[in-house]
Amino acid sequence: MREAFGVNSFLQPILGSMLLFSGFWVSCFAQVNTEATMPEGFQLPAYFQQLPSGKNHTITDVPGVRVGHVTYLKTEALPPIATGVTAVLPTSTDALSNTGFWAAVYSLNGNGELTGTHFIQQSGLLNGPILLTNTRAVGVVFEGVHQYFEQHGKEGWASELPVVGECWDGFFNGNPRVVRPEDVSTAILNASTDPVAQGRVGAGCGMRSFELHAGIGSASRQVARAEKYYTVGVLVNTNHSVLSRLNPALKTSLEAYLSKSQHRPLSLQQLSEEDNRDVVPALKVFLKKLNENKQNEKKLNPKPDQNSGPDAPGRQGSIMVIIATDAPLLPHQLQALARHAGLGIGLAGGLAATHSGDLILAFSTANAILMKGWGVEDASTLAMPVLVSEGVMNQLYAATIEAVVDAQMQAIIAAHAK
């Protein structure tokens, strides 16, 4: 999401003096790879759970895929801090620098940033980790990837173009510059194949979705094929849409689960009001003033204001979607998979609105290519790839759509875990 409120000039005088002071102590509370807590008893509506999930119920069900986080979460600080870095690795760190994976990208709505995608579109290959962070930390994380490979790369790095995606976390994070280049190495080196920590962790710390605390969410689905399964795993950083657009069936399921898990009758409207108490104080002042101005404008001009409803620019947000699969897909098939993720965003209640960055990257861990420098090291790795027929794609589309919906709900549930 772009900073649609134009709050930077408003916040800078208030926060500027605080940022210098916070810089020297903030690293002491950085958390690494927060332990995953999987929700027990949450049931998606049957429509969204027609395919089985993998063992971990996360993207790490795809063999070889690893996820790591560095988390900065200190809500009582002035300004409050809620941000971090999330690393998604298609393979082990030993093979990360010289292995290519077929990949594709798709922009459902392009008001966001995902660096390195021109090379993916050109070559059809992902060669390196995928990093997620806040909007203002993209450059820092980009540099951090270079530093990682300078220090840990095996026989050089086959690409100089890191893949870094962002979402704006300014509602809950008052210090976007707290992220450091060395956090990238920490996230990568601590990435694991364990179930993914979700909610307010890593890049998801400062996110809100459907006007609720959200962030990192992950899910998986399996597609039966002959005597084996293909797995589709999804990880999202969800920061979009409004409560009024949340799918009614999903809303009912969330309210039932969260009421039970928090041992109190609970509506999502009530929960949204509670979550929004965590909005950055200076931003609260700005939003209050903005609302007062809107009310005054309505008195003078009673006509409906197209910029003040639930789809107003400042409430549209963004979502980053990473899709991994062990199905042996080629780039054009992976792009089709990425396009279908948009249906999962929409079914949950996303709009892909004008000021929303809804960006999707899909890759396959099958048919990995050994690379060196800018070329293919061993041409035999391309000689006889195993392929999936187009007839199987419908099942993989269904798996992707279900997992994207599921991952968004998992982000909200994990963000409210007690």
Protein backbone atom coordinates (compact mmCIF):
# COMPACT_ATOMS: atom_id res chain seq x y z
CA MET A 1 0.00 0.00 0.00
CA ARG A 2 1.27 3.44 -0.80
CA GLU A 3 1.09 5.90 2.08
CA ALA A 4 -2.22 7.19 0.76
CA PHE A 5 -2.97 9.46 3.69
CA GLY A 6 0.08 11.61 2.93
CA VAL A 7 1.08 11.30 6.58
CA ASN A 8 4.84 11.38 6.07
CA SER A 9 5.10 15.16 6.23
CA PHE A 10 2.73 15.17 9.18
CA LEU A 11 4.57 12.51 11.18
CA GLN A 12 8.14 13.46 10.40
CA PRO A 13 8.46 16.39 12.84
CA ILE A 14 6.82 14.35 15.59
CA LEU A 15 8.80 11.15 15.07
CA GLY A 16 12.11 12.45 13.80
CA SER A 17 13.68 13.13 17.18
CA MET A 18 12.51 9.74 18.44
CA LEU A 19 14.09 7.69 15.68
CA LEU A 20 17.68 8.65 16.50
CA PHE A 21 17.19 7.71 20.13
CA SER A 22 15.53 4.40 19.29
CA GLY A 23 18.19 3.29 16.82
CA PHE A 24 20.84 2.22 19.32
CA TRP A 25 18.61 0.07 21.54
CA VAL A 26 16.10 -1.36 19.12
CA SER A 27 18.26 -4.35 18.08
CA CYS A 28 18.10 -5.77 21.60
CA PHE A 29 14.47 -6.85 21.20
CA ALA A 30 14.69 -8.26 17.67
CA GLN A 31 13.23 -11.76 17.68
CA VAL A 32 14.33 -14.57 15.38
CA ASN A 33 11.98 -17.24 14.01
CA THR A 34 9.18 -16.90 16.52
CA GLU A 35 7.81 -20.35 17.32
CA ALA A 36 4.79 -21.32 15.26
CA THR A 37 1.49 -21.89 17.02
CA MET A 38 -1.01 -23.72 14.84
CA PRO A 39 -4.71 -23.01 15.49
CA GLU A 40 -6.60 -25.99 16.81
CA GLY A 41 -10.27 -26.27 16.07
CA PHE A 42 -10.53 -23.65 13.36
CA GLN A 43 -12.70 -24.88 10.52
CA LEU A 44 -12.90 -23.15 7.19
CA PRO A 45 -16.27 -23.35 5.46
CA ALA A 46 -16.32 -26.60 3.48
CA TYR A 47 -16.26 -24.70 0.20
CA PHE A 48 -12.72 -23.52 0.97
CA GLN A 49 -11.43 -26.90 2.21
CA GLN A 50 -12.18 -29.41 -0.52
CA LEU A 51 -8.57 -30.55 -0.82
CA PRO A 52 -6.40 -31.98 1.98
CA SER A 53 -3.69 -29.93 3.64
CA GLY A 54 -0.08 -30.98 4.09
CA LYS A 55 1.44 -32.05 7.41
CA ASN A 56 2.57 -28.59 8.50
CA HIS A 57 -0.37 -26.80 6.89
CA THR A 58 2.15 -24.20 5.68
CA ILE A 59 4.35 -23.45 2.67
CA THR A 60 7.09 -25.60 4.21
CA ASP A 61 5.08 -28.68 3.25
CA VAL A 62 6.71 -28.21 -0.16
CA PRO A 63 9.97 -30.18 0.15
CA GLY A 64 13.02 -27.96 0.45
CA VAL A 65 11.19 -24.70 1.16
CA ARG A 66 12.31 -22.80 4.25
CA VAL A 67 11.02 -19.69 6.02
CA GLY A 68 12.74 -17.42 8.54
CA HIS A 69 11.79 -14.19 10.31
CA VAL A 70 13.42 -11.32 12.13
CA THR A 71 10.81 -9.49 14.19
CA TYR A 72 10.80 -6.02 15.75
CA LEU A 73 7.70 -5.70 17.91
CA LYS A 74 7.58 -3.21 20.77
CA THR A 75 4.15 -1.65 20.90
CA GLU A 76 4.82 0.32 24.10
CA ALA A 77 7.76 2.18 22.54
CA LEU A 78 7.46 5.79 21.41
CA PRO A 79 7.01 5.61 18.51
CA PRO A 80 5.64 2.04 18.55
CA ILE A 81 7.65 -0.42 16.50
CA ALA A 82 6.09 -3.29 14.55
CA THR A 83 8.10 -4.42 11.56
CA GLY A 84 10.69 -6.93 10.41
CA VAL A 85 11.99 -9.19 7.66
CA THR A 86 10.69 -12.51 6.34
CA ALA A 87 12.81 -14.77 4.13
CA VAL A 88 11.37 -17.52 1.92
CA LEU A 89 14.02 -19.91 0.57
CA PRO A 90 13.31 -22.34 -2.29
CA THR A 91 16.17 -24.60 -1.14
CA SER A 92 18.85 -24.99 1.50
CA THR A 93 21.40 -22.25 2.12
CA ASP A 94 24.11 -24.51 0.68
CA ALA A 95 22.40 -24.58 -2.71
CA LEU A 96 20.86 -21.10 -2.60
CA SER A 97 23.52 -19.25 -4.59
CA ASN A 98 23.84 -21.56 -7.58
CA THR A 99 20.42 -23.18 -8.10
CA GLY A 100 17.68 -21.85 -10.34
CA PHE A 101 13.98 -22.67 -10.10
CA TRP A 102 11.30 -22.13 -12.72
CA ALA A 103 9.24 -19.14 -11.64
CA ALA A 104 6.75 -16.50 -12.73
CA VAL A 105 5.26 -13.29 -11.37
CA TYR A 106 1.87 -11.66 -11.73
CA SER A 107 0.56 -8.25 -10.73
CA LEU A 108 -3.11 -8.29 -9.80
CA ASN A 109 -2.72 -4.61 -8.97
CA GLY A 110 0.61 -2.90 -9.22
CA ASN A 111 0.72 -0.18 -6.55
CA GLY A 112 3.52 -2.00 -4.75
CA GLU A 113 7.08 -3.19 -5.19
CA LEU A 114 8.64 -6.58 -5.85
CA THR A 115 12.21 -6.11 -7.05
CA GLY A 116 14.06 -8.53 -9.31
CA THR A 117 10.96 -9.48 -11.28
CA HIS A 118 12.19 -8.24 -14.66
CA PHE A 119 14.86 -10.95 -14.59
CA ILE A 120 12.28 -13.57 -13.59
CA GLN A 121 10.04 -12.51 -16.47
CA GLN A 122 12.98 -12.58 -18.86
CA SER A 123 14.54 -15.89 -17.82
CA GLY A 124 11.69 -17.74 -16.13
CA LEU A 125 14.04 -18.43 -13.22
CA LEU A 126 14.18 -17.59 -9.53
CA ASN A 127 17.76 -17.72 -8.29
CA GLY A 128 17.96 -16.80 -4.64
CA PRO A 129 15.77 -16.07 -1.64
CA ILE A 130 12.55 -14.05 -1.54
CA LEU A 131 12.53 -11.32 1.09
CA LEU A 132 9.55 -9.41 2.47
CA THR A 133 9.67 -6.23 4.58
CA ASN A 134 8.09 -2.80 5.03
CA THR A 135 7.92 -0.24 2.23
CA ARG A 136 10.74 1.99 3.44
CA ALA A 137 13.10 -0.91 4.14
CA VAL A 138 13.18 -2.29 0.59
CA GLY A 139 16.56 -0.70 -0.16
CA VAL A 140 18.07 -1.84 3.13
CA VAL A 141 16.92 -5.42 2.58
CA PHE A 142 18.09 -5.34 -1.05
CA GLU A 143 21.56 -4.42 0.19
CA GLY A 144 21.28 -7.05 2.92
CA VAL A 145 20.84 -9.79 0.32
CA HIS A 146 24.06 -8.69 -1.39
CA GLN A 147 25.85 -8.69 1.95
CA TYR A 148 24.59 -12.19 2.69
CA PHE A 149 25.97 -13.61 -0.55
CA GLU A 150 29.25 -11.77 -0.14
CA GLN A 151 29.68 -13.45 3.25
CA HIS A 152 28.01 -16.81 2.70
CA GLY A 153 27.70 -17.38 -1.04
CA LYS A 154 29.13 -20.65 -2.35
CA GLU A 155 31.19 -20.09 -5.52
CA GLY A 156 29.60 -16.73 -6.17
CA TRP A 157 25.98 -15.85 -6.83
CA ALA A 158 24.25 -16.48 -10.14
CA SER A 159 22.07 -13.35 -9.90
CA GLU A 160 22.77 -9.81 -8.74
CA LEU A 161 19.07 -8.91 -8.59
CA PRO A 162 17.47 -9.69 -5.20
CA VAL A 163 13.74 -10.32 -4.94
CA VAL A 164 12.33 -8.03 -2.25
CA GLY A 165 8.62 -7.36 -1.71
CA GLU A 166 6.96 -4.79 0.54
CA CYS A 167 3.78 -3.73 2.28
CA TRP A 168 3.25 -0.45 4.12
CA ASP A 169 3.03 -0.95 7.89
CA GLY A 170 2.49 2.67 8.94
CA PHE A 171 -0.74 2.06 10.85
CA PHE A 172 1.06 0.16 13.61
CA ASN A 173 4.74 0.89 12.99
CA GLY A 174 6.22 4.29 13.73
CA ASN A 175 9.82 3.43 12.86
CA PRO A 176 10.13 1.82 9.42
CA ARG A 177 13.90 2.38 9.32
CA VAL A 178 14.66 0.06 12.23
CA VAL A 179 15.36 -2.83 9.81
CA ARG A 180 19.08 -3.38 9.18
CA PRO A 181 20.96 -5.12 6.33
CA GLU A 182 22.27 -7.79 8.71
CA ASP A 183 18.69 -8.83 9.52
CA VAL A 184 18.57 -10.44 6.08
CA SER A 185 21.42 -12.82 6.91
CA THR A 186 19.81 -13.62 10.25
CA ALA A 187 16.46 -14.45 8.63
CA ILE A 188 18.08 -16.58 5.91
CA LEU A 189 20.44 -18.48 8.21
CA ASN A 190 17.64 -19.22 10.68
CA ALA A 191 15.11 -20.24 8.03
CA SER A 192 13.77 -23.75 8.61
CA THR A 193 11.41 -26.35 7.22
CA ASP A 194 9.34 -26.27 10.42
CA PRO A 195 5.76 -24.99 10.44
CA VAL A 196 5.84 -21.28 9.68
CA ALA A 197 5.46 -18.73 12.48
CA GLN A 198 2.51 -16.57 11.50
CA GLY A 199 0.63 -13.41 12.39
CA ARG A 200 2.59 -10.47 13.79
CA VAL A 201 6.03 -11.80 12.96
CA GLY A 202 8.73 -10.73 10.52
CA ALA A 203 7.47 -8.53 7.72
CA GLY A 204 3.91 -9.04 8.97
CA CYS A 205 4.29 -7.26 12.32
CA GLY A 206 2.61 -4.02 11.34
CA MET A 207 -0.02 -5.37 8.96
CA ARG A 208 -3.80 -5.22 9.19
CA SER A 209 -6.26 -7.01 6.96
CA PHE A 210 -10.01 -6.51 6.93
CA GLU A 211 -9.30 -3.87 9.62
CA LEU A 212 -7.87 -6.56 11.94
CA HIS A 213 -4.35 -7.36 13.03
CA ALA A 214 -2.98 -9.79 10.42
CA GLY A 215 0.45 -10.19 8.73
CA ILE A 216 2.12 -13.44 7.74
CA GLY A 217 -0.19 -16.33 6.95
CA SER A 218 0.49 -19.68 5.35
CA ALA A 219 -1.39 -22.76 4.18
CA SER A 220 -0.97 -25.76 1.92
CA ARG A 221 -3.04 -28.11 -0.18
CA GLN A 222 -2.27 -31.47 -1.76
CA VAL A 223 -3.39 -32.75 -5.15
CA ALA A 224 -3.47 -36.50 -5.72
CA ARG A 225 -1.76 -37.67 -8.90
CA ALA A 226 -1.40 -41.41 -9.59
CA GLU A 227 0.50 -42.79 -6.59
CA LYS A 228 1.83 -39.46 -5.32
CA TYR A 229 0.75 -36.02 -4.20
CA TYR A 230 1.73 -32.66 -5.55
CA THR A 231 1.83 -30.00 -2.85
CA VAL A 232 0.96 -26.33 -3.27
CA GLY A 233 2.12 -24.08 -0.42
CA VAL A 234 1.24 -20.42 0.00
CA LEU A 235 2.67 -17.66 2.19
CA VAL A 236 1.01 -14.24 2.31
CA ASN A 237 1.79 -10.93 3.90
CA THR A 238 -1.75 -9.64 4.09
CA ASN A 239 -2.47 -5.96 4.65
CA HIS A 240 -5.59 -5.22 2.62
CA SER A 241 -9.35 -4.72 2.41
CA VAL A 242 -11.98 -3.76 4.98
CA LEU A 243 -14.24 -5.66 7.33
CA SER A 244 -17.39 -4.93 5.34
CA ARG A 245 -15.93 -6.85 2.37
CA LEU A 246 -14.88 -9.97 4.28
CA ASN A 247 -16.63 -13.06 2.90
CA PRO A 248 -19.66 -13.64 5.20
CA ALA A 249 -18.97 -17.37 5.59
CA LEU A 250 -15.35 -16.66 6.56
CA LYS A 251 -16.51 -13.94 8.94
CA THR A 252 -18.82 -16.38 10.71
CA SER A 253 -16.04 -18.98 11.02
CA LEU A 254 -13.55 -16.42 12.35
CA GLU A 255 -15.97 -15.03 14.92
CA ALA A 256 -16.82 -18.51 16.17
CA TYR A 257 -13.18 -19.56 16.47
CA LEU A 258 -11.89 -16.33 18.04
CA SER A 259 -14.77 -16.21 20.52
CA LYS A 260 -13.92 -19.74 21.62
CA SER A 261 -10.14 -19.22 21.71
CA GLN A 262 -10.43 -15.96 23.67
CA HIS A 263 -13.16 -17.31 25.98
CA ARG A 264 -15.57 -14.43 25.40
CA PRO A 265 -18.39 -13.55 23.02
CA LEU A 266 -16.71 -11.59 20.26
CA SER A 267 -17.69 -9.86 17.05
CA LEU A 268 -15.10 -8.92 14.43
CA GLN A 269 -16.32 -5.31 14.63
CA GLN A 270 -15.50 -5.30 18.33
CA LEU A 271 -12.13 -6.92 17.66
CA SER A 272 -11.36 -4.36 14.96
CA GLU A 273 -12.01 -1.52 17.39
CA GLU A 274 -9.70 -3.16 19.93
CA ASP A 275 -6.95 -3.70 17.34
CA ASN A 276 -7.11 -0.12 16.15
CA ARG A 277 -6.14 1.10 19.60
CA ASP A 278 -2.63 0.08 18.54
CA VAL A 279 -2.51 2.61 15.69
CA VAL A 280 0.55 4.85 15.86
CA PRO A 281 -0.42 7.75 18.20
CA ALA A 282 0.61 10.51 15.80
CA LEU A 283 -1.37 8.81 13.04
CA LYS A 284 -4.41 8.67 15.32
CA VAL A 285 -4.25 12.45 15.65
CA PHE A 286 -3.99 12.80 11.89
CA LEU A 287 -6.87 10.40 11.23
CA LYS A 288 -9.05 12.15 13.79
CA LYS A 289 -8.38 15.47 12.12
CA LEU A 290 -9.02 13.94 8.70
CA ASN A 291 -12.36 12.56 9.88
CA GLU A 292 -13.36 15.91 11.34
CA ASN A 293 -12.59 17.59 8.02
CA LYS A 294 -14.68 14.96 6.19
CA GLN A 295 -17.62 15.56 8.53
CA ASN A 296 -17.40 19.32 7.98
CA GLU A 297 -17.29 18.77 4.22
CA LYS A 298 -20.42 16.62 4.41
CA LYS A 299 -22.31 19.42 6.17
CA LEU A 300 -21.38 21.81 3.38
CA ASN A 301 -21.83 19.26 0.60
CA PRO A 302 -24.25 16.40 1.45
CA LYS A 303 -23.51 14.54 -1.79
CA PRO A 304 -21.82 11.13 -1.32
CA ASP A 305 -18.03 11.41 -1.08
CA GLN A 306 -16.37 8.73 -3.18
CA ASN A 307 -13.13 9.13 -1.22
CA SER A 308 -14.48 8.50 2.29
CA GLY A 309 -16.16 5.10 2.10
CA PRO A 310 -14.74 1.62 2.78
CA ASP A 311 -12.88 1.70 -0.53
CA ALA A 312 -11.16 5.04 0.09
CA PRO A 313 -7.45 5.00 -0.84
CA GLY A 314 -6.17 4.91 2.74
CA ARG A 315 -8.11 1.72 3.51
CA GLN A 316 -7.23 -0.38 0.50
CA GLY A 317 -3.90 -1.90 1.55
CA SER A 318 -1.81 -4.58 -0.14
CA ILE A 319 -1.09 -8.29 -0.15
CA MET A 320 2.05 -10.17 -1.15
CA VAL A 321 1.55 -13.80 -2.17
CA ILE A 322 4.32 -16.39 -2.53
CA ILE A 323 3.34 -19.76 -4.06
CA ALA A 324 5.62 -22.78 -3.95
CA THR A 325 4.93 -26.20 -5.45
CA ASP A 326 6.76 -29.44 -6.11
CA ALA A 327 4.65 -29.99 -9.22
CA PRO A 328 7.04 -29.79 -12.21
CA LEU A 329 5.63 -26.68 -13.86
CA LEU A 330 7.11 -24.46 -16.54
CA PRO A 331 7.06 -20.65 -16.27
CA HIS A 332 3.87 -20.22 -18.30
CA GLN A 333 2.09 -22.72 -16.04
CA LEU A 334 3.43 -21.00 -12.94
CA GLN A 335 2.14 -17.67 -14.17
CA ALA A 336 -1.29 -19.24 -14.62
CA LEU A 337 -1.04 -20.47 -11.02
CA ALA A 338 -0.12 -16.94 -9.91
CA ARG A 339 -3.08 -15.47 -11.78
CA HIS A 340 -5.45 -17.84 -10.04
CA ALA A 341 -4.19 -16.64 -6.66
CA GLY A 342 -6.16 -13.49 -7.47
CA LEU A 343 -9.35 -15.53 -7.18
CA GLY A 344 -8.35 -16.50 -3.64
CA ILE A 345 -7.75 -12.85 -2.79
CA GLY A 346 -11.16 -11.92 -4.19
CA LEU A 347 -13.07 -14.80 -2.60
CA ALA A 348 -11.80 -13.76 0.83
CA GLY A 349 -12.94 -10.20 0.21
CA GLY A 350 -10.05 -8.41 -1.47
CA LEU A 351 -10.71 -5.77 -4.09
CA ALA A 352 -7.29 -5.25 -5.76
CA ALA A 353 -8.08 -1.57 -5.45
CA THR A 354 -6.31 1.34 -7.12
CA HIS A 355 -3.93 2.02 -4.26
CA SER A 356 -3.31 -1.65 -3.52
CA GLY A 357 -0.17 -3.62 -4.30
CA ASP A 358 -1.35 -7.18 -4.93
CA LEU A 359 1.76 -8.95 -6.24
CA ILE A 360 2.21 -12.69 -6.65
CA LEU A 361 5.28 -14.85 -7.23
CA ALA A 362 5.09 -18.59 -7.96
CA PHE A 363 7.96 -21.07 -8.22
CA SER A 364 8.46 -24.81 -8.59
CA THR A 365 11.07 -26.79 -6.68
CA ALA A 366 11.01 -29.53 -9.32
CA ASN A 367 13.51 -29.58 -12.21
CA ALA A 368 16.02 -27.41 -10.34
CA ILE A 369 18.78 -26.04 -12.56
CA LEU A 370 22.42 -25.94 -11.49
CA MET A 371 23.77 -22.51 -12.34
CA LYS A 372 27.12 -20.76 -12.28
CA GLY A 373 27.65 -17.11 -12.99
CA TRP A 374 25.01 -15.93 -15.43
CA GLY A 375 24.66 -19.21 -17.32
CA VAL A 376 23.62 -22.81 -16.89
CA GLU A 377 26.49 -24.86 -15.50
CA ASP A 378 25.33 -28.24 -16.71
CA ALA A 379 23.15 -28.34 -19.83
CA SER A 380 22.04 -31.86 -18.96
CA THR A 381 19.88 -30.41 -16.19
CA LEU A 382 17.64 -29.05 -18.94
CA ALA A 383 17.71 -32.11 -21.18
CA MET A 384 14.78 -34.23 -19.97
CA PRO A 385 12.64 -32.28 -17.50
CA VAL A 386 9.61 -33.95 -15.99
CA LEU A 387 6.50 -31.98 -16.92
CA VAL A 388 2.89 -31.75 -15.81
CA SER A 389 0.20 -31.91 -18.45
CA GLU A 390 -2.27 -29.08 -18.78
CA GLY A 391 -4.98 -31.50 -17.67
CA VAL A 392 -3.61 -31.45 -14.11
CA MET A 393 -3.64 -27.67 -13.88
CA ASN A 394 -7.28 -27.36 -12.80
CA GLN A 395 -6.53 -29.27 -9.61
CA LEU A 396 -3.49 -27.10 -8.95
CA TYR A 397 -5.59 -23.98 -9.55
CA ALA A 398 -8.10 -25.19 -6.96
CA ALA A 399 -5.29 -25.92 -4.50
CA THR A 400 -3.86 -22.44 -4.98
CA ILE A 401 -7.19 -20.65 -4.54
CA GLU A 402 -8.01 -22.59 -1.37
CA ALA A 403 -4.56 -22.05 0.12
CA VAL A 404 -4.61 -18.31 -0.58
CA VAL A 405 -7.97 -17.91 1.19
CA ASP A 406 -6.80 -20.14 4.05
CA ALA A 407 -3.49 -18.29 4.49
CA GLN A 408 -5.28 -14.95 4.89
CA MET A 409 -7.43 -16.39 7.66
CA GLN A 410 -4.43 -18.01 9.34
CA ALA A 411 -2.71 -14.61 9.48
CA ILE A 412 -5.65 -13.07 11.35
CA ILE A 413 -5.98 -16.03 13.72
CA ALA A 414 -2.28 -16.10 14.55
CA ALA A 415 -2.21 -12.34 15.09
CA HIS A 416 -4.88 -12.77 17.79
CA ALA A 417 -3.46 -15.86 19.48
CA LYS A 418 -3.34 -15.48 23.26
